[in-house]
PDB file of all heavy atoms in Angstrom:
ATOM      1  N   VAL A   1       4.530 -51.290 -40.115  1.00  0.00           N
ATOM      2  CA  VAL A   1       3.847 -50.217 -39.158  1.00  0.00           C
ATOM      3  C   VAL A   1       3.229 -49.030 -40.078  1.00  0.00           C
ATOM      4  O   VAL A   1       2.098 -48.513 -39.810  1.00  0.00           O
ATOM      5  CB  VAL A   1       4.712 -49.612 -38.135  1.00  0.00           C
ATOM      6  CG1 VAL A   1       4.041 -48.672 -37.376  1.00  0.00           C
ATOM      7  CG2 VAL A   1       5.110 -50.938 -37.266  1.00  0.00           C
ATOM      8  N   LYS A   2       3.948 -48.623 -41.116  1.00  0.00           N
ATOM      9  CA  LYS A   2       3.567 -47.551 -41.972  1.00  0.00           C
ATOM     10  C   LYS A   2       2.206 -48.001 -42.755  1.00  0.00           C
ATOM     11  O   LYS A   2       1.281 -47.235 -43.111  1.00  0.00           O
ATOM     12  CB  LYS A   2       4.597 -47.140 -42.934  1.00  0.00           C
ATOM     13  CG  LYS A   2       5.607 -46.226 -42.400  1.00  0.00           C
ATOM     14  CD  LYS A   2       6.625 -45.667 -43.495  1.00  0.00           C
ATOM     15  CE  LYS A   2       7.516 -44.725 -42.825  1.00  0.00           C
ATOM     16  NZ  LYS A   2       8.461 -44.125 -43.882  1.00  0.00           N
ATOM     17  N   ASN A   3       2.075 -49.281 -42.951  1.00  0.00           N
ATOM     18  CA  ASN A   3       0.925 -49.900 -43.634  1.00  0.00           C
ATOM     19  C   ASN A   3      -0.224 -50.098 -42.630  1.00  0.00           C
ATOM     20  O   ASN A   3      -1.242 -50.656 -43.100  1.00  0.00           O
ATOM     21  CB  ASN A   3       1.263 -51.110 -44.421  1.00  0.00           C
ATOM     22  CG  ASN A   3       2.111 -50.855 -45.699  1.00  0.00           C
ATOM     23  OD1 ASN A   3       1.983 -49.706 -46.266  1.00  0.00           O
ATOM     24  ND2 ASN A   3       2.809 -51.645 -45.996  1.00  0.00           N
ATOM     25  N   GLY A   4      -0.092 -49.657 -41.413  1.00  0.00           N
ATOM     26  CA  GLY A   4      -1.185 -49.892 -40.513  1.00  0.00           C
ATOM     27  C   GLY A   4      -1.048 -50.951 -39.465  1.00  0.00           C
ATOM     28  O   GLY A   4      -2.034 -51.092 -38.684  1.00  0.00           O
ATOM     29  N   SER A   5      -0.101 -51.756 -39.440  1.00  0.00           N
ATOM     30  CA  SER A   5       0.114 -52.743 -38.480  1.00  0.00           C
ATOM     31  C   SER A   5       0.701 -52.293 -37.080  1.00  0.00           C
ATOM     32  O   SER A   5       1.283 -51.331 -37.165  1.00  0.00           O
ATOM     33  CB  SER A   5       1.175 -53.917 -38.980  1.00  0.00           C
ATOM     34  OG  SER A   5       0.573 -54.487 -40.204  1.00  0.00           O
ATOM     35  N   GLN A   6       0.469 -53.083 -36.073  1.00  0.00           N
ATOM     36  CA  GLN A   6       1.123 -52.929 -34.921  1.00  0.00           C
ATOM     37  C   GLN A   6       2.430 -53.750 -34.850  1.00  0.00           C
ATOM     38  O   GLN A   6       2.581 -54.748 -35.649  1.00  0.00           O
ATOM     39  CB  GLN A   6       0.362 -53.260 -33.683  1.00  0.00           C
ATOM     40  CG  GLN A   6      -0.854 -52.382 -33.511  1.00  0.00           C
ATOM     41  CD  GLN A   6      -1.599 -52.782 -32.186  1.00  0.00           C
ATOM     42  OE1 GLN A   6      -1.606 -53.899 -31.738  1.00  0.00           O
ATOM     43  NE2 GLN A   6      -2.334 -51.888 -31.717  1.00  0.00           N
ATOM     44  N   SER A   7       3.487 -53.333 -34.164  1.00  0.00           N
ATOM     45  CA  SER A   7       4.774 -54.058 -34.058  1.00  0.00           C
ATOM     46  C   SER A   7       5.089 -54.277 -32.504  1.00  0.00           C
ATOM     47  O   SER A   7       4.567 -53.649 -31.680  1.00  0.00           O
ATOM     48  CB  SER A   7       5.883 -53.290 -34.671  1.00  0.00           C
ATOM     49  OG  SER A   7       7.052 -54.063 -34.678  1.00  0.00           O
ATOM     50  N   SER A   8       5.998 -55.089 -32.298  1.00  0.00           N
ATOM     51  CA  SER A   8       6.504 -55.438 -30.917  1.00  0.00           C
ATOM     52  C   SER A   8       7.958 -55.793 -30.944  1.00  0.00           C
ATOM     53  O   SER A   8       8.416 -56.452 -31.819  1.00  0.00           O
ATOM     54  CB  SER A   8       5.605 -56.661 -30.346  1.00  0.00           C
ATOM     55  OG  SER A   8       5.999 -56.886 -29.038  1.00  0.00           O
ATOM     56  N   LEU A   9       8.587 -55.210 -29.919  1.00  0.00           N
ATOM     57  CA  LEU A   9      10.144 -55.462 -29.860  1.00  0.00           C
ATOM     58  C   LEU A   9      10.415 -55.751 -28.336  1.00  0.00           C
ATOM     59  O   LEU A   9      10.017 -55.090 -27.427  1.00  0.00           O
ATOM     60  CB  LEU A   9      10.962 -54.325 -30.287  1.00  0.00           C
ATOM     61  CG  LEU A   9      11.055 -54.040 -31.711  1.00  0.00           C
ATOM     62  CD1 LEU A   9      11.736 -52.691 -32.041  1.00  0.00           C
ATOM     63  CD2 LEU A   9      11.619 -55.081 -32.583  1.00  0.00           C
ATOM     64  N   ALA A  10      11.297 -56.826 -28.241  1.00  0.00           N
ATOM     65  CA  ALA A  10      11.863 -57.170 -26.935  1.00  0.00           C
ATOM     66  C   ALA A  10      13.088 -56.212 -26.814  1.00  0.00           C
ATOM     67  O   ALA A  10      14.089 -56.391 -27.460  1.00  0.00           O
ATOM     68  CB  ALA A  10      12.324 -58.608 -26.936  1.00  0.00           C
ATOM     69  N   VAL A  11      12.869 -55.071 -26.002  1.00  0.00           N
ATOM     70  CA  VAL A  11      13.879 -54.039 -26.188  1.00  0.00           C
ATOM     71  C   VAL A  11      15.160 -54.275 -25.491  1.00  0.00           C
ATOM     72  O   VAL A  11      16.078 -53.521 -25.624  1.00  0.00           O
ATOM     73  CB  VAL A  11      13.235 -52.741 -25.522  1.00  0.00           C
ATOM     74  CG1 VAL A  11      12.093 -52.278 -26.454  1.00  0.00           C
ATOM     75  CG2 VAL A  11      12.773 -52.862 -24.035  1.00  0.00           C
ATOM     76  N   ASP A  12      15.262 -55.467 -24.744  1.00  0.00           N
ATOM     77  CA  ASP A  12      16.659 -55.802 -24.214  1.00  0.00           C
ATOM     78  C   ASP A  12      17.193 -57.085 -24.851  1.00  0.00           C
ATOM     79  O   ASP A  12      18.145 -57.713 -24.390  1.00  0.00           O
ATOM     80  CB  ASP A  12      16.532 -56.027 -22.664  1.00  0.00           C
ATOM     81  CG  ASP A  12      15.553 -57.023 -22.210  1.00  0.00           C
ATOM     82  OD1 ASP A  12      14.676 -57.462 -23.039  1.00  0.00           O
ATOM     83  OD2 ASP A  12      15.593 -57.546 -21.099  1.00  0.00           O
ATOM     84  N   GLY A  13      16.583 -57.390 -26.002  1.00  0.00           N
ATOM     85  CA  GLY A  13      17.093 -58.588 -26.797  1.00  0.00           C
ATOM     86  C   GLY A  13      18.044 -58.236 -27.917  1.00  0.00           C
ATOM     87  O   GLY A  13      18.252 -56.968 -28.107  1.00  0.00           O
ATOM     88  N   PRO A  14      18.521 -59.144 -28.533  1.00  0.00           N
ATOM     89  CA  PRO A  14      18.264 -60.585 -28.398  1.00  0.00           C
ATOM     90  C   PRO A  14      19.308 -61.172 -27.338  1.00  0.00           C
ATOM     91  O   PRO A  14      18.952 -62.352 -26.979  1.00  0.00           O
ATOM     92  CB  PRO A  14      18.588 -61.002 -29.803  1.00  0.00           C
ATOM     93  CG  PRO A  14      19.783 -60.190 -30.298  1.00  0.00           C
ATOM     94  CD  PRO A  14      19.429 -58.913 -29.745  1.00  0.00           C
ATOM     95  N   LYS A  15      20.272 -60.566 -26.888  1.00  0.00           N
ATOM     96  CA  LYS A  15      21.248 -61.258 -25.990  1.00  0.00           C
ATOM     97  C   LYS A  15      21.506 -60.370 -24.767  1.00  0.00           C
ATOM     98  O   LYS A  15      22.400 -60.789 -24.014  1.00  0.00           O
ATOM     99  CB  LYS A  15      22.550 -61.553 -26.699  1.00  0.00           C
ATOM    100  CG  LYS A  15      22.331 -62.485 -27.847  1.00  0.00           C
ATOM    101  CD  LYS A  15      23.790 -62.783 -28.540  1.00  0.00           C
ATOM    102  CE  LYS A  15      23.499 -63.647 -29.751  1.00  0.00           C
ATOM    103  NZ  LYS A  15      24.753 -64.086 -30.462  1.00  0.00           N
ATOM    104  N   GLY A  16      20.773 -59.388 -24.564  1.00  0.00           N
ATOM    105  CA  GLY A  16      20.975 -58.585 -23.298  1.00  0.00           C
ATOM    106  C   GLY A  16      21.918 -57.474 -23.615  1.00  0.00           C
ATOM    107  O   GLY A  16      22.181 -57.241 -24.661  1.00  0.00           O
ATOM    108  N   PRO A  17      22.325 -57.019 -22.390  1.00  0.00           N
ATOM    109  CA  PRO A  17      22.084 -57.054 -21.108  1.00  0.00           C
ATOM    110  C   PRO A  17      20.614 -56.968 -20.672  1.00  0.00           C
ATOM    111  O   PRO A  17      19.983 -56.190 -21.343  1.00  0.00           O
ATOM    112  CB  PRO A  17      22.989 -56.060 -20.267  1.00  0.00           C
ATOM    113  CG  PRO A  17      23.903 -55.622 -21.229  1.00  0.00           C
ATOM    114  CD  PRO A  17      23.359 -55.732 -22.595  1.00  0.00           C
ATOM    115  N   ILE A  18      20.204 -57.777 -19.672  1.00  0.00           N
ATOM    116  CA  ILE A  18      18.803 -57.743 -19.346  1.00  0.00           C
ATOM    117  C   ILE A  18      18.390 -56.468 -18.707  1.00  0.00           C
ATOM    118  O   ILE A  18      19.312 -55.661 -18.086  1.00  0.00           O
ATOM    119  CB  ILE A  18      18.560 -58.908 -18.236  1.00  0.00           C
ATOM    120  CG1 ILE A  18      17.003 -59.036 -18.018  1.00  0.00           C
ATOM    121  CG2 ILE A  18      19.339 -58.573 -16.984  1.00  0.00           C
ATOM    122  CD1 ILE A  18      16.738 -60.242 -17.208  1.00  0.00           C
ATOM    123  N   TYR A  19      17.259 -55.991 -19.090  1.00  0.00           N
ATOM    124  CA  TYR A  19      16.662 -54.729 -18.609  1.00  0.00           C
ATOM    125  C   TYR A  19      17.436 -53.434 -19.032  1.00  0.00           C
ATOM    126  O   TYR A  19      17.420 -52.411 -18.512  1.00  0.00           O
ATOM    127  CB  TYR A  19      16.512 -54.660 -17.012  1.00  0.00           C
ATOM    128  CG  TYR A  19      15.742 -55.775 -16.452  1.00  0.00           C
ATOM    129  CD1 TYR A  19      16.177 -56.416 -15.380  1.00  0.00           C
ATOM    130  CD2 TYR A  19      14.576 -56.397 -17.346  1.00  0.00           C
ATOM    131  CE1 TYR A  19      15.374 -57.478 -14.850  1.00  0.00           C
ATOM    132  CE2 TYR A  19      13.825 -57.451 -16.863  1.00  0.00           C
ATOM    133  CZ  TYR A  19      14.319 -57.999 -15.520  1.00  0.00           C
ATOM    134  OH  TYR A  19      13.543 -59.040 -15.095  1.00  0.00           O
ATOM    135  N   GLU A  20      18.084 -53.557 -20.206  1.00  0.00           N
ATOM    136  CA  GLU A  20      18.682 -52.381 -20.777  1.00  0.00           C
ATOM    137  C   GLU A  20      18.098 -52.143 -22.237  1.00  0.00           C
ATOM    138  O   GLU A  20      18.129 -53.047 -23.087  1.00  0.00           O
ATOM    139  CB  GLU A  20      20.318 -52.633 -21.077  1.00  0.00           C
ATOM    140  CG  GLU A  20      21.056 -51.585 -21.597  1.00  0.00           C
ATOM    141  CD  GLU A  20      22.402 -51.823 -21.760  1.00  0.00           C
ATOM    142  OE1 GLU A  20      23.122 -52.095 -20.749  1.00  0.00           O
ATOM    143  OE2 GLU A  20      23.019 -51.686 -22.897  1.00  0.00           O
ATOM    144  N   VAL A  21      17.426 -51.023 -22.388  1.00  0.00           N
ATOM    145  CA  VAL A  21      16.737 -50.665 -23.629  1.00  0.00           C
ATOM    146  C   VAL A  21      17.710 -50.424 -24.680  1.00  0.00           C
ATOM    147  O   VAL A  21      18.529 -49.523 -24.536  1.00  0.00           O
ATOM    148  CB  VAL A  21      15.850 -49.611 -23.450  1.00  0.00           C
ATOM    149  CG1 VAL A  21      14.988 -49.240 -24.702  1.00  0.00           C
ATOM    150  CG2 VAL A  21      14.799 -49.895 -22.270  1.00  0.00           C
ATOM    151  N   LYS A  22      17.648 -51.170 -25.855  1.00  0.00           N
ATOM    152  CA  LYS A  22      18.426 -50.862 -27.010  1.00  0.00           C
ATOM    153  C   LYS A  22      17.779 -49.849 -27.928  1.00  0.00           C
ATOM    154  O   LYS A  22      16.407 -49.707 -27.929  1.00  0.00           O
ATOM    155  CB  LYS A  22      18.521 -52.161 -27.829  1.00  0.00           C
ATOM    156  CG  LYS A  22      19.175 -53.413 -27.081  1.00  0.00           C
ATOM    157  CD  LYS A  22      20.734 -53.114 -26.486  1.00  0.00           C
ATOM    158  CE  LYS A  22      21.141 -54.360 -25.888  1.00  0.00           C
ATOM    159  NZ  LYS A  22      21.128 -55.626 -26.533  1.00  0.00           N
ATOM    160  N   PRO A  23      18.478 -49.088 -28.801  1.00  0.00           N
ATOM    161  CA  PRO A  23      17.876 -47.998 -29.468  1.00  0.00           C
ATOM    162  C   PRO A  23      16.932 -48.363 -30.739  1.00  0.00           C
ATOM    163  O   PRO A  23      16.418 -47.482 -31.320  1.00  0.00           O
ATOM    164  CB  PRO A  23      19.117 -47.209 -29.893  1.00  0.00           C
ATOM    165  CG  PRO A  23      20.300 -48.257 -29.986  1.00  0.00           C
ATOM    166  CD  PRO A  23      19.950 -49.208 -28.907  1.00  0.00           C
ATOM    167  N   GLY A  24      16.925 -49.651 -30.995  1.00  0.00           N
ATOM    168  CA  GLY A  24      16.148 -50.009 -32.304  1.00  0.00           C
ATOM    169  C   GLY A  24      14.760 -49.651 -32.173  1.00  0.00           C
ATOM    170  O   GLY A  24      14.136 -49.248 -33.074  1.00  0.00           O
ATOM    171  N   VAL A  25      14.120 -49.722 -30.939  1.00  0.00           N
ATOM    172  CA  VAL A  25      12.661 -49.406 -30.823  1.00  0.00           C
ATOM    173  C   VAL A  25      12.586 -47.831 -31.043  1.00  0.00           C
ATOM    174  O   VAL A  25      11.508 -47.613 -31.522  1.00  0.00           O
ATOM    175  CB  VAL A  25      12.188 -49.797 -29.393  1.00  0.00           C
ATOM    176  CG1 VAL A  25      12.881 -49.000 -28.294  1.00  0.00           C
ATOM    177  CG2 VAL A  25      10.713 -49.610 -29.265  1.00  0.00           C
ATOM    178  N   VAL A  26      13.475 -46.980 -30.624  1.00  0.00           N
ATOM    179  CA  VAL A  26      13.394 -45.526 -30.833  1.00  0.00           C
ATOM    180  C   VAL A  26      13.386 -45.265 -32.347  1.00  0.00           C
ATOM    181  O   VAL A  26      12.663 -44.475 -32.765  1.00  0.00           O
ATOM    182  CB  VAL A  26      14.498 -44.883 -30.045  1.00  0.00           C
ATOM    183  CG1 VAL A  26      14.355 -43.410 -30.330  1.00  0.00           C
ATOM    184  CG2 VAL A  26      14.422 -45.143 -28.597  1.00  0.00           C
ATOM    185  N   GLU A  27      14.358 -45.854 -32.994  1.00  0.00           N
ATOM    186  CA  GLU A  27      14.524 -45.710 -34.496  1.00  0.00           C
ATOM    187  C   GLU A  27      13.203 -46.171 -35.137  1.00  0.00           C
ATOM    188  O   GLU A  27      12.669 -45.409 -36.158  1.00  0.00           O
ATOM    189  CB  GLU A  27      15.672 -46.508 -35.012  1.00  0.00           C
ATOM    190  CG  GLU A  27      15.809 -46.270 -36.581  1.00  0.00           C
ATOM    191  CD  GLU A  27      16.302 -44.824 -36.863  1.00  0.00           C
ATOM    192  OE1 GLU A  27      16.720 -44.160 -36.006  1.00  0.00           O
ATOM    193  OE2 GLU A  27      16.249 -44.530 -38.096  1.00  0.00           O
ATOM    194  N   LEU A  28      12.462 -47.252 -34.811  1.00  0.00           N
ATOM    195  CA  LEU A  28      11.322 -47.745 -35.355  1.00  0.00           C
ATOM    196  C   LEU A  28      10.127 -46.663 -35.079  1.00  0.00           C
ATOM    197  O   LEU A  28       9.484 -46.274 -36.099  1.00  0.00           O
ATOM    198  CB  LEU A  28      10.834 -49.111 -34.830  1.00  0.00           C
ATOM    199  CG  LEU A  28       9.662 -49.680 -35.368  1.00  0.00           C
ATOM    200  CD1 LEU A  28       9.553 -49.751 -36.900  1.00  0.00           C
ATOM    201  CD2 LEU A  28       9.428 -51.092 -34.650  1.00  0.00           C
ATOM    202  N   ALA A  29      10.078 -46.194 -33.969  1.00  0.00           N
ATOM    203  CA  ALA A  29       9.016 -45.182 -33.628  1.00  0.00           C
ATOM    204  C   ALA A  29       9.307 -43.878 -34.348  1.00  0.00           C
ATOM    205  O   ALA A  29       8.283 -43.315 -34.957  1.00  0.00           O
ATOM    206  CB  ALA A  29       9.054 -44.942 -32.169  1.00  0.00           C
ATOM    207  N   ARG A  30      10.554 -43.444 -34.598  1.00  0.00           N
ATOM    208  CA  ARG A  30      10.781 -42.202 -35.251  1.00  0.00           C
ATOM    209  C   ARG A  30      10.462 -42.393 -36.706  1.00  0.00           C
ATOM    210  O   ARG A  30       9.892 -41.499 -37.288  1.00  0.00           O
ATOM    211  CB  ARG A  30      12.271 -41.910 -35.129  1.00  0.00           C
ATOM    212  CG  ARG A  30      12.738 -41.279 -33.801  1.00  0.00           C
ATOM    213  CD  ARG A  30      14.213 -41.247 -33.767  1.00  0.00           C
ATOM    214  NE  ARG A  30      14.851 -40.371 -32.750  1.00  0.00           N
ATOM    215  CZ  ARG A  30      16.059 -40.387 -32.524  1.00  0.00           C
ATOM    216  NH1 ARG A  30      17.040 -41.006 -33.205  1.00  0.00           N
ATOM    217  NH2 ARG A  30      16.475 -39.544 -31.472  1.00  0.00           N
ATOM    218  N   ARG A  31      10.944 -43.552 -37.314  1.00  0.00           N
ATOM    219  CA  ARG A  31      10.657 -43.686 -38.712  1.00  0.00           C
ATOM    220  C   ARG A  31       9.216 -43.842 -39.150  1.00  0.00           C
ATOM    221  O   ARG A  31       8.841 -43.666 -40.312  1.00  0.00           O
ATOM    222  CB  ARG A  31      11.452 -44.782 -39.251  1.00  0.00           C
ATOM    223  CG  ARG A  31      13.033 -44.749 -39.076  1.00  0.00           C
ATOM    224  CD  ARG A  31      13.719 -43.891 -40.057  1.00  0.00           C
ATOM    225  NE  ARG A  31      13.603 -44.635 -41.379  1.00  0.00           N
ATOM    226  CZ  ARG A  31      14.458 -45.446 -41.893  1.00  0.00           C
ATOM    227  NH1 ARG A  31      15.586 -45.863 -41.199  1.00  0.00           N
ATOM    228  NH2 ARG A  31      14.427 -46.074 -43.064  1.00  0.00           N
ATOM    229  N   THR A  32       8.391 -44.234 -38.332  1.00  0.00           N
ATOM    230  CA  THR A  32       7.075 -44.540 -38.451  1.00  0.00           C
ATOM    231  C   THR A  32       6.076 -43.444 -37.996  1.00  0.00           C
ATOM    232  O   THR A  32       4.907 -43.353 -38.519  1.00  0.00           O
ATOM    233  CB  THR A  32       6.534 -45.907 -37.850  1.00  0.00           C
ATOM    234  OG1 THR A  32       6.734 -45.832 -36.511  1.00  0.00           O
ATOM    235  CG2 THR A  32       7.280 -47.057 -38.476  1.00  0.00           C
ATOM    236  N   GLY A  33       6.519 -42.656 -37.037  1.00  0.00           N
ATOM    237  CA  GLY A  33       5.732 -41.652 -36.375  1.00  0.00           C
ATOM    238  C   GLY A  33       4.699 -42.090 -35.404  1.00  0.00           C
ATOM    239  O   GLY A  33       3.774 -41.500 -35.066  1.00  0.00           O
ATOM    240  N   GLN A  34       4.876 -43.468 -35.014  1.00  0.00           N
ATOM    241  CA  GLN A  34       3.898 -44.056 -34.183  1.00  0.00           C
ATOM    242  C   GLN A  34       4.464 -44.113 -32.714  1.00  0.00           C
ATOM    243  O   GLN A  34       5.622 -44.103 -32.532  1.00  0.00           O
ATOM    244  CB  GLN A  34       3.561 -45.416 -34.612  1.00  0.00           C
ATOM    245  CG  GLN A  34       2.799 -45.439 -35.976  1.00  0.00           C
ATOM    246  CD  GLN A  34       1.626 -44.653 -36.066  1.00  0.00           C
ATOM    247  OE1 GLN A  34       0.928 -44.396 -35.080  1.00  0.00           O
ATOM    248  NE2 GLN A  34       1.225 -44.171 -37.313  1.00  0.00           N
ATOM    249  N   PRO A  35       3.676 -44.119 -31.742  1.00  0.00           N
ATOM    250  CA  PRO A  35       3.995 -44.132 -30.370  1.00  0.00           C
ATOM    251  C   PRO A  35       4.661 -45.528 -29.944  1.00  0.00           C
ATOM    252  O   PRO A  35       4.165 -46.539 -30.440  1.00  0.00           O
ATOM    253  CB  PRO A  35       2.801 -43.702 -29.568  1.00  0.00           C
ATOM    254  CG  PRO A  35       1.810 -44.269 -30.255  1.00  0.00           C
ATOM    255  CD  PRO A  35       2.101 -44.068 -31.815  1.00  0.00           C
ATOM    256  N   ILE A  36       5.480 -45.478 -28.848  1.00  0.00           N
ATOM    257  CA  ILE A  36       5.884 -46.629 -28.172  1.00  0.00           C
ATOM    258  C   ILE A  36       5.111 -46.848 -27.031  1.00  0.00           C
ATOM    259  O   ILE A  36       4.833 -45.942 -26.104  1.00  0.00           O
ATOM    260  CB  ILE A  36       7.394 -46.421 -27.765  1.00  0.00           C
ATOM    261  CG1 ILE A  36       8.331 -46.153 -28.774  1.00  0.00           C
ATOM    262  CG2 ILE A  36       7.851 -47.551 -26.869  1.00  0.00           C
ATOM    263  CD1 ILE A  36       9.666 -45.542 -28.510  1.00  0.00           C
ATOM    264  N   VAL A  37       4.584 -48.137 -26.854  1.00  0.00           N
ATOM    265  CA  VAL A  37       3.721 -48.403 -25.700  1.00  0.00           C
ATOM    266  C   VAL A  37       4.288 -49.550 -24.838  1.00  0.00           C
ATOM    267  O   VAL A  37       4.498 -50.638 -25.368  1.00  0.00           O
ATOM    268  CB  VAL A  37       2.195 -48.931 -26.127  1.00  0.00           C
ATOM    269  CG1 VAL A  37       1.342 -49.395 -25.068  1.00  0.00           C
ATOM    270  CG2 VAL A  37       1.463 -47.861 -27.106  1.00  0.00           C
ATOM    271  N   PRO A  38       4.637 -49.121 -23.684  1.00  0.00           N
ATOM    272  CA  PRO A  38       5.506 -50.209 -22.885  1.00  0.00           C
ATOM    273  C   PRO A  38       4.418 -51.103 -22.215  1.00  0.00           C
ATOM    274  O   PRO A  38       3.228 -50.812 -21.883  1.00  0.00           O
ATOM    275  CB  PRO A  38       6.048 -49.290 -21.680  1.00  0.00           C
ATOM    276  CG  PRO A  38       5.276 -48.075 -21.706  1.00  0.00           C
ATOM    277  CD  PRO A  38       4.723 -47.833 -23.158  1.00  0.00           C
ATOM    278  N   LEU A  39       4.810 -52.351 -21.908  1.00  0.00           N
ATOM    279  CA  LEU A  39       4.033 -53.344 -21.367  1.00  0.00           C
ATOM    280  C   LEU A  39       4.819 -54.401 -20.579  1.00  0.00           C
ATOM    281  O   LEU A  39       5.996 -54.653 -20.994  1.00  0.00           O
ATOM    282  CB  LEU A  39       2.971 -54.031 -22.296  1.00  0.00           C
ATOM    283  CG  LEU A  39       3.574 -55.020 -23.305  1.00  0.00           C
ATOM    284  CD1 LEU A  39       2.412 -56.024 -23.625  1.00  0.00           C
ATOM    285  CD2 LEU A  39       4.098 -54.342 -24.476  1.00  0.00           C
ATOM    286  N   ARG A  40       4.274 -54.981 -19.594  1.00  0.00           N
ATOM    287  CA  ARG A  40       4.817 -56.129 -18.975  1.00  0.00           C
ATOM    288  C   ARG A  40       3.804 -57.202 -18.512  1.00  0.00           C
ATOM    289  O   ARG A  40       2.695 -56.939 -18.472  1.00  0.00           O
ATOM    290  CB  ARG A  40       5.606 -55.563 -17.559  1.00  0.00           C
ATOM    291  CG  ARG A  40       6.808 -54.686 -17.872  1.00  0.00           C
ATOM    292  CD  ARG A  40       7.591 -54.377 -16.626  1.00  0.00           C
ATOM    293  NE  ARG A  40       8.329 -55.531 -16.296  1.00  0.00           N
ATOM    294  CZ  ARG A  40       9.177 -55.589 -15.168  1.00  0.00           C
ATOM    295  NH1 ARG A  40       9.254 -54.555 -14.396  1.00  0.00           N
ATOM    296  NH2 ARG A  40       9.873 -56.714 -14.874  1.00  0.00           N
ATOM    297  N   THR A  41       4.275 -58.391 -18.165  1.00  0.00           N
ATOM    298  CA  THR A  41       3.359 -59.499 -17.879  1.00  0.00           C
ATOM    299  C   THR A  41       3.655 -60.079 -16.595  1.00  0.00           C
ATOM    300  O   THR A  41       4.804 -59.863 -16.025  1.00  0.00           O
ATOM    301  CB  THR A  41       3.340 -60.594 -18.944  1.00  0.00           C
ATOM    302  OG1 THR A  41       4.536 -61.256 -18.843  1.00  0.00           O
ATOM    303  CG2 THR A  41       3.160 -59.961 -20.341  1.00  0.00           C
TER     304      THR A  41
END
Protein backbone atom coordinates (compact mmCIF):
# COMPACT_ATOMS: atom_id res chain seq x y z
CA VAL A 1 0.00 0.00 0.00
CA LYS A 2 2.87 2.38 0.75
CA ASN A 3 4.11 1.67 -2.78
CA GLY A 4 0.77 2.78 -4.23
CA SER A 5 -1.31 -0.42 -4.32
CA GLN A 6 -4.80 -0.92 -3.03
CA SER A 7 -5.43 -3.66 -0.49
CA SER A 8 -8.46 -5.64 0.67
CA LEU A 9 -9.24 -7.47 3.90
CA ALA A 10 -12.10 -9.71 4.99
CA VAL A 11 -12.49 -7.99 8.34
CA ASP A 12 -14.31 -10.88 10.06
CA GLY A 13 -11.93 -13.54 8.77
CA PRO A 14 -10.36 -15.98 8.68
CA LYS A 15 -12.56 -17.93 11.10
CA GLY A 16 -15.05 -15.42 12.48
CA PRO A 17 -17.07 -14.70 14.48
CA ILE A 18 -19.12 -13.51 11.54
CA TYR A 19 -19.73 -9.75 11.28
CA GLU A 20 -17.15 -8.92 13.96
CA VAL A 21 -14.46 -6.53 12.73
CA LYS A 22 -10.91 -7.59 13.67
CA PRO A 23 -8.29 -4.87 14.39
CA GLY A 24 -5.86 -5.84 11.61
CA VAL A 25 -7.56 -3.54 9.11
CA VAL A 26 -7.17 -0.60 11.51
CA GLU A 27 -3.45 -1.30 11.96
CA LEU A 28 -2.98 -1.49 8.18
CA ALA A 29 -4.74 1.84 7.68
CA ARG A 30 -2.75 3.51 10.48
CA ARG A 31 0.62 2.22 9.25
CA THR A 32 0.01 3.31 5.66
CA GLY A 33 -1.96 6.52 6.26
CA GLN A 34 -4.58 5.41 3.75
CA PRO A 35 -8.36 5.36 4.30
CA ILE A 36 -10.56 2.34 4.92
CA VAL A 37 -13.32 1.96 2.31
CA PRO A 38 -16.18 -0.36 3.36
CA LEU A 39 -18.05 -2.35 0.71
CA ARG A 40 -20.63 -5.12 0.38
CA THR A 41 -22.05 -7.16 -2.48
